[in-house]
PDB file of N, CA and C in Angstrom:
ATOM      1  N   MET A   1       0.845  -1.190   0.000  1.00  0.00           N
ATOM      2  CA  MET A   1       0.000   0.000   0.000  1.00  0.00           C
ATOM      3  C   MET A   1       0.881   1.240   0.000  1.00  0.00           C
ATOM      4  N   PRO A   2       0.644   2.156  -0.927  1.00  0.00           N
ATOM      5  CA  PRO A   2       1.444   3.384  -1.003  1.00  0.00           C
ATOM      6  C   PRO A   2       1.246   4.243   0.234  1.00  0.00           C
ATOM      7  N   SER A   3       2.303   4.919   0.613  1.00  0.00           N
ATOM      8  CA  SER A   3       2.254   5.794   1.776  1.00  0.00           C
ATOM      9  C   SER A   3       1.756   7.177   1.372  1.00  0.00           C
ATOM     10  N   ASN A   4       1.003   7.799   2.267  1.00  0.00           N
ATOM     11  CA  ASN A   4       0.554   9.170   2.043  1.00  0.00           C
ATOM     12  C   ASN A   4       1.506  10.187   2.646  1.00  0.00           C
ATOM     13  N   THR A   5       2.586   9.701   3.219  1.00  0.00           N
ATOM     14  CA  THR A   5       3.562  10.579   3.837  1.00  0.00           C
ATOM     15  C   THR A   5       4.346  11.302   2.752  1.00  0.00           C
ATOM     16  N   ARG A   6       4.459  12.602   2.879  1.00  0.00           N
ATOM     17  CA  ARG A   6       5.201  13.385   1.906  1.00  0.00           C
ATOM     18  C   ARG A   6       6.691  13.152   2.070  1.00  0.00           C
ATOM     19  N   LYS A   7       7.358  13.027   0.974  1.00  0.00           N
ATOM     20  CA  LYS A   7       8.804  12.877   1.001  1.00  0.00           C
ATOM     21  C   LYS A   7       9.429  14.256   0.961  1.00  0.00           C
ATOM     22  N   ARG A   8      10.501  14.403   1.706  1.00  0.00           N
ATOM     23  CA  ARG A   8      11.214  15.679   1.695  1.00  0.00           C
ATOM     24  C   ARG A   8      12.000  15.808   0.403  1.00  0.00           C
ATOM     25  N   SER A   9      12.003  16.989  -0.143  1.00  0.00           N
ATOM     26  CA  SER A   9      12.785  17.208  -1.355  1.00  0.00           C
ATOM     27  C   SER A   9      14.252  17.356  -0.987  1.00  0.00           C
ATOM     28  N   SER A  10      15.091  17.029  -1.930  1.00  0.00           N
ATOM     29  CA  SER A  10      16.524  17.135  -1.724  1.00  0.00           C
ATOM     30  C   SER A  10      16.939  18.594  -1.806  1.00  0.00           C
ATOM     31  N   THR A  11      17.850  18.976  -0.946  1.00  0.00           N
ATOM     32  CA  THR A  11      18.359  20.344  -0.987  1.00  0.00           C
ATOM     33  C   THR A  11      19.730  20.403  -1.645  1.00  0.00           C
ATOM     34  N   SER A  12      20.198  19.255  -2.113  1.00  0.00           N
ATOM     35  CA  SER A  12      21.528  19.247  -2.731  1.00  0.00           C
ATOM     36  C   SER A  12      21.438  19.678  -4.190  1.00  0.00           C
ATOM     37  N   VAL A  13      22.479  20.317  -4.642  1.00  0.00           N
ATOM     38  CA  VAL A  13      22.583  20.774  -6.017  1.00  0.00           C
ATOM     39  C   VAL A  13      23.913  20.289  -6.558  1.00  0.00           C
ATOM     40  N   VAL A  14      23.902  19.787  -7.777  1.00  0.00           N
ATOM     41  CA  VAL A  14      25.137  19.358  -8.413  1.00  0.00           C
ATOM     42  C   VAL A  14      25.468  20.348  -9.518  1.00  0.00           C
ATOM     43  N   ILE A  15      26.649  20.905  -9.453  1.00  0.00           N
ATOM     44  CA  ILE A  15      27.089  21.846 -10.478  1.00  0.00           C
ATOM     45  C   ILE A  15      28.389  21.310 -11.064  1.00  0.00           C
ATOM     46  N   LYS A  16      28.417  21.203 -12.376  1.00  0.00           N
ATOM     47  CA  LYS A  16      29.636  20.789 -13.074  1.00  0.00           C
ATOM     48  C   LYS A  16      30.192  22.011 -13.776  1.00  0.00           C
ATOM     49  N   SER A  17      31.505  22.130 -13.799  1.00  0.00           N
ATOM     50  CA  SER A  17      32.079  23.312 -14.420  1.00  0.00           C
ATOM     51  C   SER A  17      32.094  23.162 -15.940  1.00  0.00           C
ATOM     52  N   CYS A  18      32.172  24.296 -16.603  1.00  0.00           N
ATOM     53  CA  CYS A  18      32.233  24.339 -18.067  1.00  0.00           C
ATOM     54  C   CYS A  18      33.614  24.838 -18.451  1.00  0.00           C
ATOM     55  N   ASP A  19      34.487  23.954 -18.839  1.00  0.00           N
ATOM     56  CA  ASP A  19      35.827  24.337 -19.257  1.00  0.00           C
ATOM     57  C   ASP A  19      35.822  24.493 -20.777  1.00  0.00           C
ATOM     58  N   ARG A  20      35.618  25.705 -21.228  1.00  0.00           N
ATOM     59  CA  ARG A  20      35.472  25.981 -22.656  1.00  0.00           C
ATOM     60  C   ARG A  20      36.697  25.550 -23.459  1.00  0.00           C
ATOM     61  N   ASP A  21      37.890  25.783 -22.923  1.00  0.00           N
ATOM     62  CA  ASP A  21      39.102  25.430 -23.663  1.00  0.00           C
ATOM     63  C   ASP A  21      39.206  23.928 -23.885  1.00  0.00           C
ATOM     64  N   SER A  22      38.926  23.147 -22.859  1.00  0.00           N
ATOM     65  CA  SER A  22      39.037  21.692 -23.029  1.00  0.00           C
ATOM     66  C   SER A  22      37.939  21.169 -23.952  1.00  0.00           C
ATOM     67  N   ILE A  23      36.758  21.772 -23.904  1.00  0.00           N
ATOM     68  CA  ILE A  23      35.680  21.359 -24.811  1.00  0.00           C
ATOM     69  C   ILE A  23      36.058  21.697 -26.248  1.00  0.00           C
ATOM     70  N   GLU A  24      36.623  22.874 -26.468  1.00  0.00           N
ATOM     71  CA  GLU A  24      37.023  23.245 -27.832  1.00  0.00           C
ATOM     72  C   GLU A  24      38.103  22.304 -28.361  1.00  0.00           C
ATOM     73  N   ARG A  25      39.076  21.964 -27.522  1.00  0.00           N
ATOM     74  CA  ARG A  25      40.111  21.011 -27.956  1.00  0.00           C
ATOM     75  C   ARG A  25      39.495  19.659 -28.288  1.00  0.00           C
ATOM     76  N   ALA A  26      38.551  19.201 -27.454  1.00  0.00           N
ATOM     77  CA  ALA A  26      37.892  17.907 -27.692  1.00  0.00           C
ATOM     78  C   ALA A  26      37.096  17.933 -28.996  1.00  0.00           C
ATOM     79  N   VAL A  27      36.402  19.036 -29.265  1.00  0.00           N
ATOM     80  CA  VAL A  27      35.617  19.151 -30.499  1.00  0.00           C
ATOM     81  C   VAL A  27      36.532  19.110 -31.717  1.00  0.00           C
ATOM     82  N   ARG A  28      37.586  19.879 -31.687  1.00  0.00           N
ATOM     83  CA  ARG A  28      38.493  19.928 -32.838  1.00  0.00           C
ATOM     84  C   ARG A  28      39.160  18.565 -33.089  1.00  0.00           C
ATOM     85  N   SER A  29      39.528  17.882 -32.023  1.00  0.00           N
ATOM     86  CA  SER A  29      40.115  16.550 -32.164  1.00  0.00           C
ATOM     87  C   SER A  29      39.090  15.554 -32.720  1.00  0.00           C
ATOM     88  N   TYR A  30      37.878  15.620 -32.202  1.00  0.00           N
ATOM     89  CA  TYR A  30      36.786  14.754 -32.660  1.00  0.00           C
ATOM     90  C   TYR A  30      36.498  14.981 -34.140  1.00  0.00           C
ATOM     91  N   VAL A  31      36.417  16.235 -34.559  1.00  0.00           N
ATOM     92  CA  VAL A  31      36.132  16.554 -35.959  1.00  0.00           C
ATOM     93  C   VAL A  31      37.286  16.094 -36.852  1.00  0.00           C
ATOM     94  N   GLN A  32      38.501  16.260 -36.396  1.00  0.00           N
ATOM     95  CA  GLN A  32      39.656  15.790 -37.174  1.00  0.00           C
ATOM     96  C   GLN A  32      39.576  14.270 -37.373  1.00  0.00           C
ATOM     97  N   ASP A  33      39.251  13.543 -36.315  1.00  0.00           N
ATOM     98  CA  ASP A  33      39.108  12.083 -36.422  1.00  0.00           C
ATOM     99  C   ASP A  33      37.939  11.696 -37.319  1.00  0.00           C
ATOM    100  N   LEU A  34      36.823  12.421 -37.193  1.00  0.00           N
ATOM    101  CA  LEU A  34      35.654  12.151 -38.036  1.00  0.00           C
ATOM    102  C   LEU A  34      35.997  12.268 -39.510  1.00  0.00           C
ATOM    103  N   ARG A  35      36.700  13.331 -39.845  1.00  0.00           N
ATOM    104  CA  ARG A  35      37.046  13.573 -41.258  1.00  0.00           C
ATOM    105  C   ARG A  35      37.953  12.468 -41.808  1.00  0.00           C
ATOM    106  N   LYS A  36      38.832  11.934 -40.962  1.00  0.00           N
ATOM    107  CA  LYS A  36      39.716  10.848 -41.393  1.00  0.00           C
ATOM    108  C   LYS A  36      38.924   9.566 -41.639  1.00  0.00           C
ATOM    109  N   GLU A  37      37.972   9.293 -40.762  1.00  0.00           N
ATOM    110  CA  GLU A  37      37.210   8.042 -40.823  1.00  0.00           C
ATOM    111  C   GLU A  37      36.036   8.091 -41.789  1.00  0.00           C
ATOM    112  N   HIS A  38      35.549   9.287 -42.094  1.00  0.00           N
ATOM    113  CA  HIS A  38      34.340   9.433 -42.905  1.00  0.00           C
ATOM    114  C   HIS A  38      34.554  10.466 -44.021  1.00  0.00           C
ATOM    115  N   PRO A  39      35.092  10.032 -45.143  1.00  0.00           N
ATOM    116  CA  PRO A  39      35.350  10.982 -46.234  1.00  0.00           C
ATOM    117  C   PRO A  39      34.079  11.590 -46.825  1.00  0.00           C
ATOM    118  N   GLU A  40      32.912  11.031 -46.511  1.00  0.00           N
ATOM    119  CA  GLU A  40      31.654  11.600 -47.007  1.00  0.00           C
ATOM    120  C   GLU A  40      31.288  12.911 -46.312  1.00  0.00           C
ATOM    121  N   ILE A  41      31.977  13.237 -45.217  1.00  0.00           N
ATOM    122  CA  ILE A  41      31.713  14.504 -44.520  1.00  0.00           C
ATOM    123  C   ILE A  41      32.382  15.635 -45.288  1.00  0.00           C
ATOM    124  N   LYS A  42      31.566  16.550 -45.787  1.00  0.00           N
ATOM    125  CA  LYS A  42      32.073  17.673 -46.580  1.00  0.00           C
ATOM    126  C   LYS A  42      32.222  18.950 -45.766  1.00  0.00           C
ATOM    127  N   ARG A  43      31.337  19.136 -44.787  1.00  0.00           N
ATOM    128  CA  ARG A  43      31.385  20.329 -43.936  1.00  0.00           C
ATOM    129  C   ARG A  43      30.974  19.936 -42.526  1.00  0.00           C
ATOM    130  N   VAL A  44      31.514  20.675 -41.544  1.00  0.00           N
ATOM    131  CA  VAL A  44      31.104  20.518 -40.152  1.00  0.00           C
ATOM    132  C   VAL A  44      30.878  21.920 -39.610  1.00  0.00           C
ATOM    133  N   ILE A  45      29.703  22.135 -39.024  1.00  0.00           N
ATOM    134  CA  ILE A  45      29.379  23.440 -38.438  1.00  0.00           C
ATOM    135  C   ILE A  45      29.042  23.221 -36.970  1.00  0.00           C
ATOM    136  N   TRP A  46      29.775  23.915 -36.119  1.00  0.00           N
ATOM    137  CA  TRP A  46      29.558  23.870 -34.673  1.00  0.00           C
ATOM    138  C   TRP A  46      28.715  25.085 -34.321  1.00  0.00           C
ATOM    139  N   PHE A  47      27.536  24.865 -33.775  1.00  0.00           N
ATOM    140  CA  PHE A  47      26.630  25.972 -33.462  1.00  0.00           C
ATOM    141  C   PHE A  47      26.030  25.779 -32.074  1.00  0.00           C
ATOM    142  N   GLY A  48      25.249  26.734 -31.644  1.00  0.00           N
ATOM    143  CA  GLY A  48      24.592  26.630 -30.340  1.00  0.00           C
ATOM    144  C   GLY A  48      25.329  27.394 -29.262  1.00  0.00           C
ATOM    145  N   SER A  49      24.968  27.119 -28.012  1.00  0.00           N
ATOM    146  CA  SER A  49      25.452  27.923 -26.888  1.00  0.00           C
ATOM    147  C   SER A  49      26.965  27.840 -26.674  1.00  0.00           C
ATOM    148  N   TRP A  50      27.596  26.745 -27.032  1.00  0.00           N
ATOM    149  CA  TRP A  50      29.052  26.664 -26.865  1.00  0.00           C
ATOM    150  C   TRP A  50      29.770  27.618 -27.813  1.00  0.00           C
ATOM    151  N   VAL A  51      29.123  28.022 -28.885  1.00  0.00           N
ATOM    152  CA  VAL A  51      29.748  28.910 -29.863  1.00  0.00           C
ATOM    153  C   VAL A  51      29.187  30.325 -29.754  1.00  0.00           C
ATOM    154  N   ASN A  52      27.862  30.447 -29.682  1.00  0.00           N
ATOM    155  CA  ASN A  52      27.208  31.754 -29.770  1.00  0.00           C
ATOM    156  C   ASN A  52      26.644  32.280 -28.459  1.00  0.00           C
ATOM    157  N   GLY A  53      26.785  31.538 -27.404  1.00  0.00           N
ATOM    158  CA  GLY A  53      26.172  31.979 -26.162  1.00  0.00           C
ATOM    159  C   GLY A  53      27.032  31.630 -24.986  1.00  0.00           C
ATOM    160  N   ILE A  54      26.362  31.410 -23.904  1.00  0.00           N
ATOM    161  CA  ILE A  54      27.045  31.055 -22.674  1.00  0.00           C
ATOM    162  C   ILE A  54      26.543  29.682 -22.263  1.00  0.00           C
ATOM    163  N   PRO A  55      27.368  28.651 -22.453  1.00  0.00           N
ATOM    164  CA  PRO A  55      26.928  27.318 -22.056  1.00  0.00           C
ATOM    165  C   PRO A  55      26.814  27.232 -20.540  1.00  0.00           C
ATOM    166  N   THR A  56      25.874  26.478 -20.099  1.00  0.00           N
ATOM    167  CA  THR A  56      25.703  26.259 -18.670  1.00  0.00           C
ATOM    168  C   THR A  56      26.095  24.820 -18.363  1.00  0.00           C
ATOM    169  N   PRO A  57      26.337  24.504 -17.104  1.00  0.00           N
ATOM    170  CA  PRO A  57      26.614  23.104 -16.785  1.00  0.00           C
ATOM    171  C   PRO A  57      25.492  22.230 -17.346  1.00  0.00           C
ATOM    172  N   GLY A  58      25.859  21.219 -18.075  1.00  0.00           N
ATOM    173  CA  GLY A  58      24.868  20.344 -18.685  1.00  0.00           C
ATOM    174  C   GLY A  58      24.521  20.705 -20.113  1.00  0.00           C
ATOM    175  N   SER A  59      25.048  21.843 -20.625  1.00  0.00           N
ATOM    176  CA  SER A  59      24.778  22.213 -22.018  1.00  0.00           C
ATOM    177  C   SER A  59      25.384  21.170 -22.949  1.00  0.00           C
ATOM    178  N   ASP A  60      24.618  20.794 -23.950  1.00  0.00           N
ATOM    179  CA  ASP A  60      25.160  19.870 -24.930  1.00  0.00           C
ATOM    180  C   ASP A  60      25.826  20.665 -26.051  1.00  0.00           C
ATOM    181  N   LEU A  61      26.476  19.935 -26.925  1.00  0.00           N
ATOM    182  CA  LEU A  61      27.198  20.522 -28.030  1.00  0.00           C
ATOM    183  C   LEU A  61      26.424  20.217 -29.302  1.00  0.00           C
ATOM    184  N   ASP A  62      26.260  21.190 -30.177  1.00  0.00           N
ATOM    185  CA  ASP A  62      25.486  21.016 -31.407  1.00  0.00           C
ATOM    186  C   ASP A  62      26.417  21.035 -32.614  1.00  0.00           C
ATOM    187  N   LEU A  63      26.382  19.950 -33.385  1.00  0.00           N
ATOM    188  CA  LEU A  63      27.198  19.858 -34.596  1.00  0.00           C
ATOM    189  C   LEU A  63      26.333  19.464 -35.778  1.00  0.00           C
ATOM    190  N   CYS A  64      26.493  20.194 -36.867  1.00  0.00           N
ATOM    191  CA  CYS A  64      25.851  19.843 -38.124  1.00  0.00           C
ATOM    192  C   CYS A  64      26.917  19.257 -39.034  1.00  0.00           C
ATOM    193  N   LEU A  65      26.674  18.045 -39.493  1.00  0.00           N
ATOM    194  CA  LEU A  65      27.554  17.400 -40.457  1.00  0.00           C
ATOM    195  C   LEU A  65      26.865  17.445 -41.811  1.00  0.00           C
ATOM    196  N   ILE A  66      27.562  17.883 -42.816  1.00  0.00           N
ATOM    197  CA  ILE A  66      26.996  17.897 -44.160  1.00  0.00           C
ATOM    198  C   ILE A  66      27.740  16.839 -44.967  1.00  0.00           C
ATOM    199  N   LEU A  67      26.970  15.841 -45.389  1.00  0.00           N
ATOM    200  CA  LEU A  67      27.518  14.671 -46.057  1.00  0.00           C
ATOM    201  C   LEU A  67      27.298  14.758 -47.561  1.00  0.00           C
ATOM    202  N   SER A  68      28.192  14.177 -48.305  1.00  0.00           N
ATOM    203  CA  SER A  68      28.003  14.155 -49.756  1.00  0.00           C
ATOM    204  C   SER A  68      26.738  13.375 -50.105  1.00  0.00           C
ATOM    205  N   SER A  69      26.511  12.253 -49.427  1.00  0.00           N
ATOM    206  CA  SER A  69      25.297  11.468 -49.637  1.00  0.00           C
ATOM    207  C   SER A  69      25.180  10.424 -48.535  1.00  0.00           C
ATOM    208  N   SER A  70      24.018   9.785 -48.465  1.00  0.00           N
ATOM    209  CA  SER A  70      23.790   8.695 -47.520  1.00  0.00           C
ATOM    210  C   SER A  70      22.579   7.897 -47.967  1.00  0.00           C
ATOM    211  N   ASN A  71      22.623   6.599 -47.741  1.00  0.00           N
ATOM    212  CA  ASN A  71      21.493   5.721 -48.055  1.00  0.00           C
ATOM    213  C   ASN A  71      20.529   5.599 -46.881  1.00  0.00           C
ATOM    214  N   LYS A  72      20.921   6.111 -45.711  1.00  0.00           N
ATOM    215  CA  LYS A  72      20.133   5.946 -44.495  1.00  0.00           C
ATOM    216  C   LYS A  72      19.282   7.185 -44.216  1.00  0.00           C
ATOM    217  N   PRO A  73      18.149   6.987 -43.524  1.00  0.00           N
ATOM    218  CA  PRO A  73      17.409   8.150 -43.014  1.00  0.00           C
ATOM    219  C   PRO A  73      18.281   8.889 -41.987  1.00  0.00           C
ATOM    220  N   MET A  74      18.025  10.164 -41.819  1.00  0.00           N
ATOM    221  CA  MET A  74      18.862  10.983 -40.943  1.00  0.00           C
ATOM    222  C   MET A  74      19.022  10.386 -39.549  1.00  0.00           C
ATOM    223  N   ARG A  75      17.925   9.986 -38.931  1.00  0.00           N
ATOM    224  CA  ARG A  75      18.012   9.493 -37.545  1.00  0.00           C
ATOM    225  C   ARG A  75      18.850   8.227 -37.442  1.00  0.00           C
ATOM    226  N   ASP A  76      18.931   7.463 -38.526  1.00  0.00           N
ATOM    227  CA  ASP A  76      19.739   6.245 -38.520  1.00  0.00           C
ATOM    228  C   ASP A  76      21.219   6.522 -38.786  1.00  0.00           C
ATOM    229  N   ARG A  77      21.525   7.723 -39.237  1.00  0.00           N
ATOM    230  CA  ARG A  77      22.927   8.100 -39.488  1.00  0.00           C
ATOM    231  C   ARG A  77      23.647   8.502 -38.213  1.00  0.00           C
ATOM    232  N   VAL A  78      22.919   9.069 -37.272  1.00  0.00           N
ATOM    233  CA  VAL A  78      23.532   9.656 -36.073  1.00  0.00           C
ATOM    234  C   VAL A  78      24.501   8.698 -35.384  1.00  0.00           C
ATOM    235  N   PRO A  79      24.122   7.444 -35.098  1.00  0.00           N
ATOM    236  CA  PRO A  79      25.055   6.561 -34.390  1.00  0.00           C
ATOM    237  C   PRO A  79      26.378   6.326 -35.128  1.00  0.00           C
ATOM    238  N   ASP A  80      26.379   6.480 -36.442  1.00  0.00           N
ATOM    239  CA  ASP A  80      27.608   6.283 -37.213  1.00  0.00           C
ATOM    240  C   ASP A  80      28.678   7.323 -36.885  1.00  0.00           C
ATOM    241  N   TYR A  81      28.263   8.469 -36.337  1.00  0.00           N
ATOM    242  CA  TYR A  81      29.187   9.577 -36.129  1.00  0.00           C
ATOM    243  C   TYR A  81      29.383   9.957 -34.659  1.00  0.00           C
ATOM    244  N   LEU A  82      28.657   9.350 -33.747  1.00  0.00           N
ATOM    245  CA  LEU A  82      28.772   9.714 -32.336  1.00  0.00           C
ATOM    246  C   LEU A  82      30.102   9.246 -31.744  1.00  0.00           C
ATOM    247  N   PRO A  83      30.731  10.094 -30.943  1.00  0.00           N
ATOM    248  CA  PRO A  83      31.976   9.695 -30.287  1.00  0.00           C
ATOM    249  C   PRO A  83      31.685   8.883 -29.020  1.00  0.00           C
ATOM    250  N   VAL A  84      32.695   8.208 -28.545  1.00  0.00           N
ATOM    251  CA  VAL A  84      32.602   7.482 -27.280  1.00  0.00           C
ATOM    252  C   VAL A  84      33.393   8.279 -26.242  1.00  0.00           C
ATOM    253  N   GLY A  85      32.809   8.482 -25.078  1.00  0.00           N
ATOM    254  CA  GLY A  85      33.525   9.141 -23.989  1.00  0.00           C
ATOM    255  C   GLY A  85      33.761  10.623 -24.167  1.00  0.00           C
ATOM    256  N   PHE A  86      32.899  11.302 -24.897  1.00  0.00           N
ATOM    257  CA  PHE A  86      33.059  12.743 -25.085  1.00  0.00           C
ATOM    258  C   PHE A  86      32.699  13.457 -23.774  1.00  0.00           C
ATOM    259  N   PRO A  87      33.374  14.576 -23.437  1.00  0.00           N
ATOM    260  CA  PRO A  87      33.161  15.213 -22.130  1.00  0.00           C
ATOM    261  C   PRO A  87      31.785  15.852 -21.905  1.00  0.00           C
ATOM    262  N   VAL A  88      31.026  16.121 -22.971  1.00  0.00           N
ATOM    263  CA  VAL A  88      29.662  16.658 -22.834  1.00  0.00           C
ATOM    264  C   VAL A  88      28.770  15.933 -23.842  1.00  0.00           C
ATOM    265  N   GLY A  89      27.471  16.066 -23.662  1.00  0.00           N
ATOM    266  CA  GLY A  89      26.537  15.477 -24.612  1.00  0.00           C
ATOM    267  C   GLY A  89      26.633  16.161 -25.965  1.00  0.00           C
ATOM    268  N   ILE A  90      26.329  15.409 -27.005  1.00  0.00           N
ATOM    269  CA  ILE A  90      26.400  15.958 -28.364  1.00  0.00           C
ATOM    270  C   ILE A  90      25.079  15.715 -29.077  1.00  0.00           C
ATOM    271  N   ASP A  91      24.567  16.755 -29.716  1.00  0.00           N
ATOM    272  CA  ASP A  91      23.441  16.625 -30.642  1.00  0.00           C
ATOM    273  C   ASP A  91      24.018  16.742 -32.049  1.00  0.00           C
ATOM    274  N   LEU A  92      23.880  15.664 -32.814  1.00  0.00           N
ATOM    275  CA  LEU A  92      24.385  15.641 -34.185  1.00  0.00           C
ATOM    276  C   LEU A  92      23.244  15.766 -35.176  1.00  0.00           C
ATOM    277  N   PHE A  93      23.496  16.519 -36.239  1.00  0.00           N
ATOM    278  CA  PHE A  93      22.532  16.713 -37.309  1.00  0.00           C
ATOM    279  C   PHE A  93      23.237  16.381 -38.623  1.00  0.00           C
ATOM    280  N   PRO A  94      23.273  15.107 -39.008  1.00  0.00           N
ATOM    281  CA  PRO A  94      23.986  14.703 -40.221  1.00  0.00           C
ATOM    282  C   PRO A  94      23.109  14.787 -41.472  1.00  0.00           C
ATOM    283  N   TYR A  95      23.110  15.951 -42.101  1.00  0.00           N
ATOM    284  CA  TYR A  95      22.328  16.177 -43.320  1.00  0.00           C
ATOM    285  C   TYR A  95      23.147  15.805 -44.544  1.00  0.00           C
ATOM    286  N   THR A  96      22.489  15.286 -45.561  1.00  0.00           N
ATOM    287  CA  THR A  96      23.157  15.203 -46.862  1.00  0.00           C
ATOM    288  C   THR A  96      23.196  16.626 -47.421  1.00  0.00           C
ATOM    289  N   ALA A  97      24.045  16.842 -48.417  1.00  0.00           N
ATOM    290  CA  ALA A  97      24.133  18.176 -49.027  1.00  0.00           C
ATOM    291  C   ALA A  97      22.777  18.614 -49.577  1.00  0.00           C
ATOM    292  N   GLU A  98      22.045  17.690 -50.176  1.00  0.00           N
ATOM    293  CA  GLU A  98      20.721  18.014 -50.728  1.00  0.00           C
ATOM    294  C   GLU A  98      19.735  18.374 -49.616  1.00  0.00           C
ATOM    295  N   GLU A  99      19.720  17.617 -48.547  1.00  0.00           N
ATOM    296  CA  GLU A  99      18.828  17.920 -47.418  1.00  0.00           C
ATOM    297  C   GLU A  99      19.162  19.279 -46.816  1.00  0.00           C
ATOM    298  N   PHE A 100      20.447  19.577 -46.729  1.00  0.00           N
ATOM    299  CA  PHE A 100      20.874  20.855 -46.175  1.00  0.00           C
ATOM    300  C   PHE A 100      20.410  22.005 -47.068  1.00  0.00           C
ATOM    301  N   ARG A 101      20.518  21.850 -48.369  1.00  0.00           N
ATOM    302  CA  ARG A 101      20.042  22.886 -49.304  1.00  0.00           C
ATOM    303  C   ARG A 101      18.537  23.113 -49.147  1.00  0.00           C
ATOM    304  N   ARG A 102      17.780  22.041 -48.943  1.00  0.00           N
ATOM    305  CA  ARG A 102      16.321  22.160 -48.805  1.00  0.00           C
ATOM    306  C   ARG A 102      15.888  22.900 -47.541  1.00  0.00           C
ATOM    307  N   LEU A 103      16.782  23.002 -46.542  1.00  0.00           N
ATOM    308  CA  LEU A 103      16.438  23.750 -45.325  1.00  0.00           C
ATOM    309  C   LEU A 103      16.129  25.212 -45.640  1.00  0.00           C
ATOM    310  N   GLU A 104      16.709  25.720 -46.712  1.00  0.00           N
ATOM    311  CA  GLU A 104      16.489  27.119 -47.087  1.00  0.00           C
ATOM    312  C   GLU A 104      15.009  27.430 -47.266  1.00  0.00           C
ATOM    313  N   THR A 105      14.257  26.498 -47.827  1.00  0.00           N
ATOM    314  CA  THR A 105      12.822  26.721 -48.026  1.00  0.00           C
ATOM    315  C   THR A 105      11.968  26.041 -46.960  1.00  0.00           C
ATOM    316  N   ARG A 106      12.421  24.931 -46.432  1.00  0.00           N
ATOM    317  CA  ARG A 106      11.607  24.166 -45.480  1.00  0.00           C
ATOM    318  C   ARG A 106      11.763  24.625 -44.031  1.00  0.00           C
ATOM    319  N   ALA A 107      12.941  25.129 -43.679  1.00  0.00           N
ATOM    320  CA  ALA A 107      13.187  25.538 -42.287  1.00  0.00           C
ATOM    321  C   ALA A 107      14.237  26.641 -42.249  1.00  0.00           C
ATOM    322  N   PRO A 108      13.902  27.817 -42.806  1.00  0.00           N
ATOM    323  CA  PRO A 108      14.913  28.879 -42.906  1.00  0.00           C
ATOM    324  C   PRO A 108      15.454  29.357 -41.562  1.00  0.00           C
ATOM    325  N   SER A 109      14.627  29.389 -40.525  1.00  0.00           N
ATOM    326  CA  SER A 109      15.141  29.847 -39.225  1.00  0.00           C
ATOM    327  C   SER A 109      16.101  28.817 -38.621  1.00  0.00           C
ATOM    328  N   TRP A 110      15.821  27.531 -38.837  1.00  0.00           N
ATOM    329  CA  TRP A 110      16.733  26.485 -38.373  1.00  0.00           C
ATOM    330  C   TRP A 110      18.056  26.576 -39.141  1.00  0.00           C
ATOM    331  N   LEU A 111      17.986  26.797 -40.435  1.00  0.00           N
ATOM    332  CA  LEU A 111      19.184  26.967 -41.242  1.00  0.00           C
ATOM    333  C   LEU A 111      19.998  28.160 -40.735  1.00  0.00           C
ATOM    334  N   ALA A 112      19.329  29.254 -40.422  1.00  0.00           N
ATOM    335  CA  ALA A 112      20.021  30.437 -39.907  1.00  0.00           C
ATOM    336  C   ALA A 112      20.703  30.132 -38.579  1.00  0.00           C
ATOM    337  N   THR A 113      20.056  29.345 -37.738  1.00  0.00           N
ATOM    338  CA  THR A 113      20.660  28.956 -36.467  1.00  0.00           C
ATOM    339  C   THR A 113      21.938  28.166 -36.705  1.00  0.00           C
ATOM    340  N   ILE A 114      21.878  27.202 -37.604  1.00  0.00           N
ATOM    341  CA  ILE A 114      23.070  26.410 -37.908  1.00  0.00           C
ATOM    342  C   ILE A 114      24.174  27.302 -38.479  1.00  0.00           C
ATOM    343  N   LEU A 115      23.815  28.139 -39.432  1.00  0.00           N
ATOM    344  CA  LEU A 115      24.807  28.987 -40.111  1.00  0.00           C
ATOM    345  C   LEU A 115      25.372  30.078 -39.209  1.00  0.00           C
ATOM    346  N   SER A 116      24.746  30.319 -38.052  1.00  0.00           N
ATOM    347  CA  SER A 116      25.291  31.290 -37.103  1.00  0.00           C
ATOM    348  C   SER A 116      26.515  30.721 -36.372  1.00  0.00           C
ATOM    349  N   GLY A 117      26.784  29.444 -36.588  1.00  0.00           N
ATOM    350  CA  GLY A 117      27.896  28.783 -35.926  1.00  0.00           C
ATOM    351  C   GLY A 117      29.225  28.993 -36.644  1.00  0.00           C
ATOM    352  N   VAL A 118      30.168  28.137 -36.302  1.00  0.00           N
ATOM    353  CA  VAL A 118      31.524  28.206 -36.825  1.00  0.00           C
ATOM    354  C   VAL A 118      31.807  26.956 -37.647  1.00  0.00           C
ATOM    355  N   GLU A 119      32.300  27.152 -38.849  1.00  0.00           N
ATOM    356  CA  GLU A 119      32.649  26.001 -39.678  1.00  0.00           C
ATOM    357  C   GLU A 119      34.026  25.499 -39.262  1.00  0.00           C
ATOM    358  N   LEU A 120      34.095  24.200 -39.036  1.00  0.00           N
ATOM    359  CA  LEU A 120      35.367  23.599 -38.596  1.00  0.00           C
ATOM    360  C   LEU A 120      36.018  22.850 -39.748  1.00  0.00           C
TER     361      LEU A 120
END
C-alpha cells in the first residue's frame, strides 16, 4: 500500500564546471578524427550555446555534419558519427548536401541557427 507521507525534497545541487578550452580542444580533435574516418563529410558546423552563447553546466554541443550522400534516413545516421567518452553530450545533425540545401525553403530559421555557428 502506497504511503501518504510526503517525502522531503533534496536540498543538494550538483554543479559541473564548463571548461570551454578543453571542450574546444575535444571538439576539434573529434572533428579531425571524423574527417579521417568518414570521407563523405564535406562540412562541419559547430553551433549553439558553446559557440554563440554562454553554455551552462549540462549544455550539450550542437554539430551539423553535411555529407556528400547517404542511403540511411537521418536518424539512422547519427550513431555512425557519435563519439565514445566525449566530455559533454552531443546533438548531431547529419544532413546530406541536398537535405541541407532544402532547409532554405523548409526551415529557414533552423538553417540560420546552424549557419550562425563556426565552420570547422
